[in-house]
Protein backbone atom coordinates (compact mmCIF):
# COMPACT_ATOMS: atom_id res chain seq x y z
CA MET A 1 -6.53 25.32 -113.55
CA SER A 2 -8.93 23.80 -115.57
CA GLY A 3 -8.79 23.36 -119.35
CA SER A 4 -12.13 25.17 -119.68
CA LEU A 5 -10.91 27.80 -118.03
CA LEU A 6 -8.16 28.27 -119.33
CA LEU A 7 -9.30 28.43 -122.67
CA ALA A 8 -12.07 31.04 -121.79
CA SER A 9 -9.39 33.28 -120.12
CA ILE A 10 -7.03 33.25 -122.96
CA MET A 11 -10.52 34.02 -125.42
CA ILE A 12 -11.35 36.93 -123.04
CA ALA A 13 -7.50 38.01 -123.34
CA ALA A 14 -7.72 37.62 -127.00
CA LEU A 15 -10.90 39.84 -127.59
CA VAL A 16 -9.22 42.53 -125.20
CA VAL A 17 -6.33 42.60 -127.30
CA LEU A 18 -8.21 42.42 -130.98
CA LEU A 19 -11.06 44.11 -130.69
CA PRO A 20 -9.40 47.62 -130.18
CA LEU A 21 -6.97 46.79 -132.56
CA LEU A 22 -9.20 46.11 -135.33
CA PHE A 23 -11.50 48.97 -134.57
CA HIS A 24 -8.26 50.98 -135.26
CA LEU A 25 -7.40 49.29 -138.26
CA THR A 26 -10.59 49.99 -139.87
CA LYS A 27 -10.04 53.90 -139.67
CA TYR A 28 -7.32 53.43 -142.12
CA LEU A 29 -8.52 50.93 -143.69
CA GLY A 30 -11.74 51.52 -144.74
CA SER A 31 -12.86 54.14 -147.60
CA SER A 32 -14.33 57.74 -146.24
CA SER A 33 -15.83 60.23 -148.15
CA ASP A 34 -16.50 63.93 -147.05
CA ASN A 35 -19.36 64.41 -149.00
CA VAL A 36 -21.98 67.10 -148.52
CA ARG A 37 -24.99 64.66 -148.71
CA LYS A 38 -23.45 62.37 -146.41
CA ASN A 39 -23.71 64.65 -143.63
CA GLU A 40 -27.20 65.81 -144.02
CA PRO A 41 -29.68 64.31 -141.66
CA VAL A 42 -32.01 62.24 -142.62
CA GLU A 43 -35.05 61.64 -140.53
CA GLY A 44 -37.16 58.27 -141.25
CA GLY A 45 -36.25 58.96 -144.86
CA ILE A 46 -37.18 62.41 -145.34
CA ARG A 47 -34.60 64.70 -145.78
CA LEU A 48 -34.91 67.66 -143.35
CA THR A 49 -34.35 71.26 -144.34
CA CYS A 50 -32.26 73.26 -142.12
CA LYS A 51 -34.71 74.61 -139.91
CA ASP A 52 -34.87 75.87 -136.19
CA SER A 53 -34.61 73.03 -133.34
CA TYR A 54 -37.52 75.17 -131.69
CA ASP A 55 -39.55 74.38 -135.02
CA ALA A 56 -43.07 72.38 -134.11
CA PHE A 57 -42.73 68.63 -134.65
CA ASN A 58 -45.41 66.57 -135.68
CA VAL A 59 -47.13 64.44 -132.18
CA LYS A 60 -48.41 61.60 -134.35
CA PHE A 61 -45.08 60.47 -134.71
CA PHE A 62 -44.51 60.58 -130.95
CA LEU A 63 -48.62 58.66 -130.28
CA VAL A 64 -47.63 55.78 -132.80
CA GLY A 65 -44.49 55.29 -130.94
CA ILE A 66 -46.38 55.23 -127.50
CA ILE A 67 -49.20 53.03 -128.47
CA PHE A 68 -46.18 51.03 -129.80
CA LEU A 69 -45.09 50.39 -126.82
CA ILE A 70 -48.14 49.90 -125.02
CA PHE A 71 -49.37 47.03 -127.42
CA ASP A 72 -45.69 45.80 -127.14
CA VAL A 73 -45.97 45.44 -123.13
CA GLU A 74 -48.63 43.53 -124.33
CA VAL A 75 -46.85 40.98 -125.56
CA LEU A 76 -44.50 41.10 -122.23
CA PHE A 77 -47.54 40.15 -120.35
CA MET A 78 -49.03 37.66 -122.42
CA PHE A 79 -45.76 35.42 -123.31
CA PRO A 80 -45.35 34.19 -119.32
CA TRP A 81 -49.21 33.31 -119.03
CA ALA A 82 -49.29 31.31 -121.85
CA LEU A 83 -46.00 29.18 -120.85
CA ASN A 84 -47.77 28.48 -117.31
CA LEU A 85 -51.23 28.63 -118.36
CA ARG A 86 -52.06 24.49 -117.42
CA GLU A 87 -50.61 25.58 -113.87
CA LEU A 88 -52.38 28.44 -113.51
CA GLY A 89 -56.27 27.16 -114.51
CA LEU A 90 -59.26 28.73 -115.39
CA PHE A 91 -58.90 31.86 -113.19
CA ALA A 92 -55.65 33.17 -115.11
CA LEU A 93 -57.10 32.47 -117.99
CA ILE A 94 -60.41 34.73 -117.07
CA GLU A 95 -58.22 37.34 -116.40
CA MET A 96 -55.83 37.09 -119.28
CA PHE A 97 -59.30 37.26 -121.48
CA VAL A 98 -60.21 40.62 -119.30
CA PHE A 99 -56.82 41.70 -119.63
CA MET A 100 -56.85 41.39 -123.02
CA GLY A 101 -60.63 42.91 -123.40
CA LEU A 102 -59.62 45.85 -121.49
CA LEU A 103 -56.33 46.17 -124.37
CA ILE A 104 -59.03 45.83 -127.27
CA GLY A 105 -61.22 48.37 -126.10
CA GLY A 106 -58.01 50.77 -125.95
CA LEU A 107 -57.14 49.94 -129.41
CA PHE A 108 -60.94 50.51 -130.09
CA TYR A 109 -60.63 53.75 -128.65
CA VAL A 110 -57.37 55.22 -130.83
CA TYR A 111 -58.54 53.90 -133.93
CA LYS A 112 -61.85 55.68 -133.06
CA SER A 113 -59.98 58.94 -131.87
CA LYS A 114 -58.12 58.66 -135.48
CA VAL A 115 -54.89 58.66 -133.45
CA LEU A 116 -53.17 56.52 -136.55
CA LYS A 117 -55.05 58.56 -139.42
CA TRP A 118 -52.10 60.39 -141.10
CA THR A 119 -54.22 62.98 -143.21
């Protein structure tokens, strides 16, 4: 058995033994407080009152999240394109400008429909 394989197996065995032991010790070593304020639910920095779970929830939270995901996925498509731009050539450059144009059009639509306005 090579030296690096032996070292890796010792490290993995140490982690398998030490991690559960450390997690168990934090229960006894850490401070604990059974405070009423500690157990209150907090949603986005706003303290929630005791409401029924069927009450209406503002849809704009979901819309902002979905819009964020759409433009976040845009970056995932643009990163590999930017890395391989020289190999892909002019056609890929034009395709990416069309893709970005569609997304900018979507951003203008979101702005004009006032989805991001909170008042």
